[in-house]
PDB file of N, CA and C in Angstrom:
ATOM      1  N   MET A   1     -42.769-162.412-179.708  1.00  0.00           N
ATOM      2  CA  MET A   1     -43.085-162.884-178.544  1.00  0.00           C
ATOM      3  C   MET A   1     -45.127-162.255-178.618  1.00  0.00           C
ATOM      4  N   THR A   2     -45.901-163.115-178.583  1.00  0.00           N
ATOM      5  CA  THR A   2     -47.230-162.658-178.345  1.00  0.00           C
ATOM      6  C   THR A   2     -47.695-162.329-176.750  1.00  0.00           C
ATOM      7  N   VAL A   3     -48.706-161.597-176.438  1.00  0.00           N
ATOM      8  CA  VAL A   3     -48.951-161.747-175.338  1.00  0.00           C
ATOM      9  C   VAL A   3     -49.546-162.849-174.628  1.00  0.00           C
ATOM     10  N   ASP A   4     -49.870-163.673-175.214  1.00  0.00           N
ATOM     11  CA  ASP A   4     -50.212-165.025-175.067  1.00  0.00           C
ATOM     12  C   ASP A   4     -49.108-165.704-174.319  1.00  0.00           C
ATOM     13  N   ASP A   5     -47.754-165.727-175.306  1.00  0.00           N
ATOM     14  CA  ASP A   5     -46.839-166.340-174.710  1.00  0.00           C
ATOM     15  C   ASP A   5     -46.123-165.760-173.414  1.00  0.00           C
ATOM     16  N   ILE A   6     -46.207-164.636-173.103  1.00  0.00           N
ATOM     17  CA  ILE A   6     -45.620-163.721-172.022  1.00  0.00           C
ATOM     18  C   ILE A   6     -46.439-164.223-171.183  1.00  0.00           C
ATOM     19  N   GLN A   7     -47.918-163.976-171.070  1.00  0.00           N
ATOM     20  CA  GLN A   7     -48.519-164.678-170.283  1.00  0.00           C
ATOM     21  C   GLN A   7     -48.345-166.256-169.832  1.00  0.00           C
ATOM     22  N   GLN A   8     -48.197-167.102-170.648  1.00  0.00           N
ATOM     23  CA  GLN A   8     -47.559-168.061-170.139  1.00  0.00           C
ATOM     24  C   GLN A   8     -46.927-168.404-169.373  1.00  0.00           C
ATOM     25  N   ILE A   9     -45.702-167.750-169.688  1.00  0.00           N
ATOM     26  CA  ILE A   9     -44.183-167.419-169.150  1.00  0.00           C
ATOM     27  C   ILE A   9     -44.480-166.803-167.723  1.00  0.00           C
ATOM     28  N   LEU A  10     -45.317-166.102-167.779  1.00  0.00           N
ATOM     29  CA  LEU A  10     -45.455-165.292-166.352  1.00  0.00           C
ATOM     30  C   LEU A  10     -46.053-166.571-165.492  1.00  0.00           C
ATOM     31  N   ILE A  11     -47.287-166.736-165.794  1.00  0.00           N
ATOM     32  CA  ILE A  11     -47.594-167.846-165.001  1.00  0.00           C
ATOM     33  C   ILE A  11     -47.087-168.869-164.377  1.00  0.00           C
ATOM     34  N   ASN A  12     -46.349-169.626-165.378  1.00  0.00           N
ATOM     35  CA  ASN A  12     -45.228-170.541-165.085  1.00  0.00           C
ATOM     36  C   ASN A  12     -44.211-169.950-164.029  1.00  0.00           C
ATOM     37  N   GLU A  13     -43.819-168.809-164.197  1.00  0.00           N
ATOM     38  CA  GLU A  13     -42.811-168.244-163.179  1.00  0.00           C
ATOM     39  C   GLU A  13     -43.335-167.995-162.000  1.00  0.00           C
ATOM     40  N   ILE A  14     -44.756-167.637-162.136  1.00  0.00           N
ATOM     41  CA  ILE A  14     -45.178-167.019-160.611  1.00  0.00           C
ATOM     42  C   ILE A  14     -45.382-168.874-159.828  1.00  0.00           C
ATOM     43  N   GLN A  15     -45.919-169.776-160.578  1.00  0.00           N
ATOM     44  CA  GLN A  15     -46.192-170.906-159.965  1.00  0.00           C
ATOM     45  C   GLN A  15     -44.879-171.662-159.505  1.00  0.00           C
ATOM     46  N   THR A  16     -44.283-171.198-160.011  1.00  0.00           N
ATOM     47  CA  THR A  16     -42.720-171.861-159.688  1.00  0.00           C
ATOM     48  C   THR A  16     -42.254-171.070-158.728  1.00  0.00           C
ATOM     49  N   LEU A  17     -42.151-169.805-158.555  1.00  0.00           N
ATOM     50  CA  LEU A  17     -41.782-169.193-157.716  1.00  0.00           C
ATOM     51  C   LEU A  17     -42.369-169.223-156.370  1.00  0.00           C
ATOM     52  N   LEU A  18     -43.788-169.624-156.144  1.00  0.00           N
ATOM     53  CA  LEU A  18     -44.606-169.452-155.336  1.00  0.00           C
ATOM     54  C   LEU A  18     -44.689-170.927-154.820  1.00  0.00           C
ATOM     55  N   ALA A  19     -44.207-172.134-155.504  1.00  0.00           N
ATOM     56  CA  ALA A  19     -44.377-173.246-155.047  1.00  0.00           C
ATOM     57  C   ALA A  19     -46.030-173.701-155.287  1.00  0.00           C
ATOM     58  N   LEU A  20     -46.805-173.282-156.153  1.00  0.00           N
ATOM     59  CA  LEU A  20     -47.795-173.265-156.735  1.00  0.00           C
ATOM     60  C   LEU A  20     -48.206-174.627-157.607  1.00  0.00           C
ATOM     61  N   LYS A  21     -49.357-175.444-157.368  1.00  0.00           N
ATOM     62  CA  LYS A  21     -49.521-176.325-158.596  1.00  0.00           C
ATOM     63  C   LYS A  21     -49.957-175.820-159.670  1.00  0.00           C
ATOM     64  N   PRO A  22     -49.641-176.721-160.829  1.00  0.00           N
ATOM     65  CA  PRO A  22     -49.692-176.113-162.003  1.00  0.00           C
ATOM     66  C   PRO A  22     -51.264-175.865-162.149  1.00  0.00           C
ATOM     67  N   GLY A  23     -51.814-175.064-162.888  1.00  0.00           N
ATOM     68  CA  GLY A  23     -53.154-174.562-163.084  1.00  0.00           C
ATOM     69  C   GLY A  23     -53.477-173.896-161.880  1.00  0.00           C
ATOM     70  N   SER A  24     -52.951-173.451-160.990  1.00  0.00           N
ATOM     71  CA  SER A  24     -53.329-172.682-160.070  1.00  0.00           C
ATOM     72  C   SER A  24     -53.508-170.974-160.352  1.00  0.00           C
ATOM     73  N   VAL A  25     -52.571-170.620-160.809  1.00  0.00           N
ATOM     74  CA  VAL A  25     -52.801-169.162-161.532  1.00  0.00           C
ATOM     75  C   VAL A  25     -53.078-169.303-162.883  1.00  0.00           C
ATOM     76  N   THR A  26     -54.207-168.262-162.979  1.00  0.00           N
ATOM     77  CA  THR A  26     -54.920-168.115-164.239  1.00  0.00           C
ATOM     78  C   THR A  26     -54.542-166.634-165.016  1.00  0.00           C
ATOM     79  N   ALA A  27     -54.916-166.269-166.223  1.00  0.00           N
ATOM     80  CA  ALA A  27     -54.489-165.043-166.992  1.00  0.00           C
ATOM     81  C   ALA A  27     -55.329-163.817-165.940  1.00  0.00           C
ATOM     82  N   GLU A  28     -56.457-164.162-165.161  1.00  0.00           N
ATOM     83  CA  GLU A  28     -57.283-163.169-164.298  1.00  0.00           C
ATOM     84  C   GLU A  28     -57.096-163.137-163.025  1.00  0.00           C
ATOM     85  N   THR A  29     -56.133-164.299-162.203  1.00  0.00           N
ATOM     86  CA  THR A  29     -55.990-164.279-160.980  1.00  0.00           C
ATOM     87  C   THR A  29     -55.379-163.058-160.703  1.00  0.00           C
ATOM     88  N   ALA A  30     -55.679-162.458-159.350  1.00  0.00           N
ATOM     89  CA  ALA A  30     -55.119-161.112-158.734  1.00  0.00           C
ATOM     90  C   ALA A  30     -54.272-161.461-158.447  1.00  0.00           C
ATOM     91  N   LEU A  31     -53.093-161.171-158.812  1.00  0.00           N
ATOM     92  CA  LEU A  31     -51.559-161.066-158.155  1.00  0.00           C
ATOM     93  C   LEU A  31     -51.444-160.896-157.206  1.00  0.00           C
ATOM     94  N   PRO A  32     -51.751-159.244-156.804  1.00  0.00           N
ATOM     95  CA  PRO A  32     -51.577-159.081-155.148  1.00  0.00           C
ATOM     96  C   PRO A  32     -52.244-159.955-153.949  1.00  0.00           C
ATOM     97  N   THR A  33     -53.004-160.972-154.382  1.00  0.00           N
ATOM     98  CA  THR A  33     -53.632-161.605-153.470  1.00  0.00           C
ATOM     99  C   THR A  33     -52.871-163.167-153.229  1.00  0.00           C
ATOM    100  N   LEU A  34     -51.731-163.141-154.426  1.00  0.00           N
ATOM    101  CA  LEU A  34     -50.700-164.580-154.144  1.00  0.00           C
ATOM    102  C   LEU A  34     -49.700-164.153-153.073  1.00  0.00           C
ATOM    103  N   GLY A  35     -49.644-162.965-152.524  1.00  0.00           N
ATOM    104  CA  GLY A  35     -48.616-162.722-151.508  1.00  0.00           C
ATOM    105  C   GLY A  35     -47.068-162.394-152.167  1.00  0.00           C
ATOM    106  N   ILE A  36     -47.156-162.061-153.127  1.00  0.00           N
ATOM    107  CA  ILE A  36     -45.679-161.970-153.884  1.00  0.00           C
ATOM    108  C   ILE A  36     -44.955-161.021-153.087  1.00  0.00           C
ATOM    109  N   ASP A  37     -43.910-161.205-152.379  1.00  0.00           N
ATOM    110  CA  ASP A  37     -43.366-159.735-151.404  1.00  0.00           C
ATOM    111  C   ASP A  37     -42.578-159.035-152.435  1.00  0.00           C
ATOM    112  N   SER A  38     -41.507-158.150-151.932  1.00  0.00           N
ATOM    113  CA  SER A  38     -40.993-157.578-152.935  1.00  0.00           C
ATOM    114  C   SER A  38     -39.661-158.251-153.739  1.00  0.00           C
ATOM    115  N   LEU A  39     -39.150-159.252-152.801  1.00  0.00           N
ATOM    116  CA  LEU A  39     -37.864-160.116-153.127  1.00  0.00           C
ATOM    117  C   LEU A  39     -38.504-160.746-154.281  1.00  0.00           C
ATOM    118  N   LYS A  40     -39.545-161.715-154.096  1.00  0.00           N
ATOM    119  CA  LYS A  40     -40.241-162.609-155.011  1.00  0.00           C
ATOM    120  C   LYS A  40     -40.333-161.678-156.346  1.00  0.00           C
ATOM    121  N   PHE A  41     -40.915-160.430-156.149  1.00  0.00           N
ATOM    122  CA  PHE A  41     -41.265-159.694-157.499  1.00  0.00           C
ATOM    123  C   PHE A  41     -39.894-159.056-158.160  1.00  0.00           C
ATOM    124  N   VAL A  42     -39.035-159.204-157.704  1.00  0.00           N
ATOM    125  CA  VAL A  42     -37.977-158.540-158.366  1.00  0.00           C
ATOM    126  C   VAL A  42     -37.287-159.899-159.048  1.00  0.00           C
ATOM    127  N   SER A  43     -37.224-161.100-158.485  1.00  0.00           N
ATOM    128  CA  SER A  43     -36.821-162.068-159.086  1.00  0.00           C
ATOM    129  C   SER A  43     -37.782-162.545-160.092  1.00  0.00           C
ATOM    130  N   LEU A  44     -39.173-162.286-160.143  1.00  0.00           N
ATOM    131  CA  LEU A  44     -40.078-162.457-161.307  1.00  0.00           C
ATOM    132  C   LEU A  44     -39.817-161.723-162.388  1.00  0.00           C
ATOM    133  N   VAL A  45     -39.419-160.467-161.840  1.00  0.00           N
ATOM    134  CA  VAL A  45     -39.149-159.700-163.096  1.00  0.00           C
ATOM    135  C   VAL A  45     -37.565-159.835-163.856  1.00  0.00           C
ATOM    136  N   LEU A  46     -36.852-160.141-162.902  1.00  0.00           N
ATOM    137  CA  LEU A  46     -35.705-160.248-163.970  1.00  0.00           C
ATOM    138  C   LEU A  46     -35.762-161.744-164.713  1.00  0.00           C
ATOM    139  N   ALA A  47     -36.501-162.584-164.210  1.00  0.00           N
ATOM    140  CA  ALA A  47     -36.353-163.807-165.217  1.00  0.00           C
ATOM    141  C   ALA A  47     -37.637-163.571-166.267  1.00  0.00           C
ATOM    142  N   ILE A  48     -38.408-162.454-165.983  1.00  0.00           N
ATOM    143  CA  ILE A  48     -39.258-162.315-167.374  1.00  0.00           C
ATOM    144  C   ILE A  48     -38.400-161.350-168.156  1.00  0.00           C
ATOM    145  N   GLU A  49     -37.596-160.534-167.653  1.00  0.00           N
ATOM    146  CA  GLU A  49     -36.506-159.740-168.701  1.00  0.00           C
ATOM    147  C   GLU A  49     -35.666-160.775-169.085  1.00  0.00           C
ATOM    148  N   LYS A  50     -35.358-161.744-168.963  1.00  0.00           N
ATOM    149  CA  LYS A  50     -34.282-162.660-169.333  1.00  0.00           C
ATOM    150  C   LYS A  50     -35.111-163.360-170.433  1.00  0.00           C
ATOM    151  N   GLN A  51     -36.149-163.717-169.970  1.00  0.00           N
ATOM    152  CA  GLN A  51     -37.048-164.869-171.104  1.00  0.00           C
ATOM    153  C   GLN A  51     -37.676-163.989-172.200  1.00  0.00           C
ATOM    154  N   CYS A  52     -37.950-162.837-171.848  1.00  0.00           N
ATOM    155  CA  CYS A  52     -38.767-162.000-173.352  1.00  0.00           C
ATOM    156  C   CYS A  52     -37.908-160.903-173.638  1.00  0.00           C
ATOM    157  N   ASN A  53     -36.345-160.768-173.122  1.00  0.00           N
ATOM    158  CA  ASN A  53     -35.619-159.941-173.557  1.00  0.00           C
ATOM    159  C   ASN A  53     -36.173-158.597-173.593  1.00  0.00           C
ATOM    160  N   VAL A  54     -36.582-157.949-172.628  1.00  0.00           N
ATOM    161  CA  VAL A  54     -37.064-157.019-172.355  1.00  0.00           C
ATOM    162  C   VAL A  54     -36.318-156.147-170.996  1.00  0.00           C
ATOM    163  N   HIS A  55     -36.073-154.923-171.047  1.00  0.00           N
ATOM    164  CA  HIS A  55     -36.055-154.434-169.590  1.00  0.00           C
ATOM    165  C   HIS A  55     -36.674-153.448-169.100  1.00  0.00           C
ATOM    166  N   LEU A  56     -37.633-154.309-168.325  1.00  0.00           N
ATOM    167  CA  LEU A  56     -38.669-153.942-167.441  1.00  0.00           C
ATOM    168  C   LEU A  56     -38.229-152.746-166.240  1.00  0.00           C
ATOM    169  N   MET A  57     -37.089-153.011-165.889  1.00  0.00           N
ATOM    170  CA  MET A  57     -36.363-152.247-164.639  1.00  0.00           C
ATOM    171  C   MET A  57     -36.189-150.748-165.011  1.00  0.00           C
ATOM    172  N   LYS A  58     -35.857-150.630-166.440  1.00  0.00           N
ATOM    173  CA  LYS A  58     -35.660-149.577-166.908  1.00  0.00           C
ATOM    174  C   LYS A  58     -37.073-148.718-167.370  1.00  0.00           C
ATOM    175  N   LYS A  59     -37.627-149.542-167.777  1.00  0.00           N
ATOM    176  CA  LYS A  59     -39.011-148.985-168.336  1.00  0.00           C
ATOM    177  C   LYS A  59     -40.292-148.881-167.488  1.00  0.00           C
ATOM    178  N   GLY A  60     -40.095-149.582-166.051  1.00  0.00           N
ATOM    179  CA  GLY A  60     -41.022-149.365-165.179  1.00  0.00           C
ATOM    180  C   GLY A  60     -42.210-150.518-165.542  1.00  0.00           C
ATOM    181  N   LEU A  61     -43.096-150.486-164.287  1.00  0.00           N
ATOM    182  CA  LEU A  61     -44.401-151.159-164.432  1.00  0.00           C
ATOM    183  C   LEU A  61     -45.165-150.242-163.402  1.00  0.00           C
ATOM    184  N   LYS A  62     -46.518-150.234-163.885  1.00  0.00           N
ATOM    185  CA  LYS A  62     -47.214-149.206-163.165  1.00  0.00           C
ATOM    186  C   LYS A  62     -47.651-150.352-161.833  1.00  0.00           C
ATOM    187  N   PRO A  63     -48.771-149.933-161.231  1.00  0.00           N
ATOM    188  CA  PRO A  63     -49.382-150.855-160.124  1.00  0.00           C
ATOM    189  C   PRO A  63     -50.306-151.460-160.943  1.00  0.00           C
ATOM    190  N   ALA A  64     -51.282-150.851-161.825  1.00  0.00           N
ATOM    191  CA  ALA A  64     -52.287-151.484-162.868  1.00  0.00           C
ATOM    192  C   ALA A  64     -51.624-152.575-163.683  1.00  0.00           C
ATOM    193  N   ASP A  65     -50.367-152.164-164.063  1.00  0.00           N
ATOM    194  CA  ASP A  65     -49.917-153.564-164.735  1.00  0.00           C
ATOM    195  C   ASP A  65     -49.697-154.687-164.217  1.00  0.00           C
ATOM    196  N   MET A  66     -49.679-154.749-162.819  1.00  0.00           N
ATOM    197  CA  MET A  66     -49.514-155.834-162.252  1.00  0.00           C
ATOM    198  C   MET A  66     -50.649-156.204-161.339  1.00  0.00           C
ATOM    199  N   ALA A  67     -51.810-156.154-162.094  1.00  0.00           N
ATOM    200  CA  ALA A  67     -53.183-156.728-161.179  1.00  0.00           C
ATOM    201  C   ALA A  67     -53.240-158.136-161.580  1.00  0.00           C
ATOM    202  N   THR A  68     -52.972-158.493-162.848  1.00  0.00           N
ATOM    203  CA  THR A  68     -53.213-159.757-163.262  1.00  0.00           C
ATOM    204  C   THR A  68     -52.000-160.643-164.297  1.00  0.00           C
ATOM    205  N   ALA A  69     -51.976-161.627-164.216  1.00  0.00           N
ATOM    206  CA  ALA A  69     -51.173-161.934-165.475  1.00  0.00           C
ATOM    207  C   ALA A  69     -51.223-161.504-166.965  1.00  0.00           C
ATOM    208  N   LEU A  70     -52.520-161.389-167.512  1.00  0.00           N
ATOM    209  CA  LEU A  70     -52.923-160.825-168.464  1.00  0.00           C
ATOM    210  C   LEU A  70     -52.369-159.447-168.566  1.00  0.00           C
ATOM    211  N   ALA A  71     -52.852-158.345-167.414  1.00  0.00           N
ATOM    212  CA  ALA A  71     -52.215-156.945-167.395  1.00  0.00           C
ATOM    213  C   ALA A  71     -50.754-157.241-167.519  1.00  0.00           C
ATOM    214  N   MET A  72     -50.173-158.061-166.497  1.00  0.00           N
ATOM    215  CA  MET A  72     -48.709-157.754-166.625  1.00  0.00           C
ATOM    216  C   MET A  72     -48.169-158.224-168.363  1.00  0.00           C
ATOM    217  N   ALA A  73     -48.612-159.244-168.860  1.00  0.00           N
ATOM    218  CA  ALA A  73     -48.341-159.622-170.107  1.00  0.00           C
ATOM    219  C   ALA A  73     -48.580-158.510-171.215  1.00  0.00           C
ATOM    220  N   THR A  74     -49.861-157.888-171.422  1.00  0.00           N
ATOM    221  CA  THR A  74     -49.714-156.636-172.111  1.00  0.00           C
ATOM    222  C   THR A  74     -48.982-155.869-171.869  1.00  0.00           C
ATOM    223  N   ALA A  75     -48.514-155.283-170.939  1.00  0.00           N
ATOM    224  CA  ALA A  75     -47.549-154.200-170.289  1.00  0.00           C
ATOM    225  C   ALA A  75     -46.106-154.392-170.905  1.00  0.00           C
ATOM    226  N   ILE A  76     -46.067-155.927-170.522  1.00  0.00           N
ATOM    227  CA  ILE A  76     -44.658-156.244-170.887  1.00  0.00           C
ATOM    228  C   ILE A  76     -44.277-156.230-172.543  1.00  0.00           C
ATOM    229  N   HIS A  77     -45.440-156.815-173.383  1.00  0.00           N
ATOM    230  CA  HIS A  77     -45.507-156.873-174.666  1.00  0.00           C
ATOM    231  C   HIS A  77     -45.602-155.593-175.116  1.00  0.00           C
ATOM    232  N   ALA A  78     -46.261-154.490-174.547  1.00  0.00           N
ATOM    233  CA  ALA A  78     -45.918-153.054-175.223  1.00  0.00           C
ATOM    234  C   ALA A  78     -44.619-152.601-174.858  1.00  0.00           C
ATOM    235  N   ARG A  79     -43.840-153.013-173.971  1.00  0.00           N
ATOM    236  CA  ARG A  79     -42.765-152.569-173.631  1.00  0.00           C
ATOM    237  C   ARG A  79     -41.503-153.150-174.631  1.00  0.00           C
ATOM    238  N   GLN A  80     -41.788-154.107-175.176  1.00  0.00           N
ATOM    239  CA  GLN A  80     -41.088-154.995-176.170  1.00  0.00           C
ATOM    240  C   GLN A  80     -40.907-154.225-177.645  1.00  0.00           C
ATOM    241  N   ALA A  81     -41.870-153.413-177.487  1.00  0.00           N
ATOM    242  CA  ALA A  81     -41.951-152.732-179.286  1.00  0.00           C
ATOM    243  C   ALA A  81     -40.929-151.412-178.893  1.00  0.00           C
ATOM    244  N   GLU A  82     -40.772-151.208-177.518  1.00  0.00           N
ATOM    245  CA  GLU A  82     -40.253-149.538-177.280  1.00  0.00           C
ATOM    246  C   GLU A  82     -38.854-149.512-177.650  1.00  0.00           C
TER     247      GLU A  82
END
């Protein structure tokens, strides 16, 4: 799975989770400004783990990894190879 594939999955999941219109979240949208609380973040991580076959809870994400969908997709892609 490529970074672009993961990024699109993330964007779709974020828009669904937050009930946002399609196209309202881009690769460069600052994710902290969207108001994702801890419960929604855990839901997002679980959905991504399932769809991307990666275990983020075990490998962890740093705050910088969650700045944008692109940053998060890049971090997830790197962890898939581990």
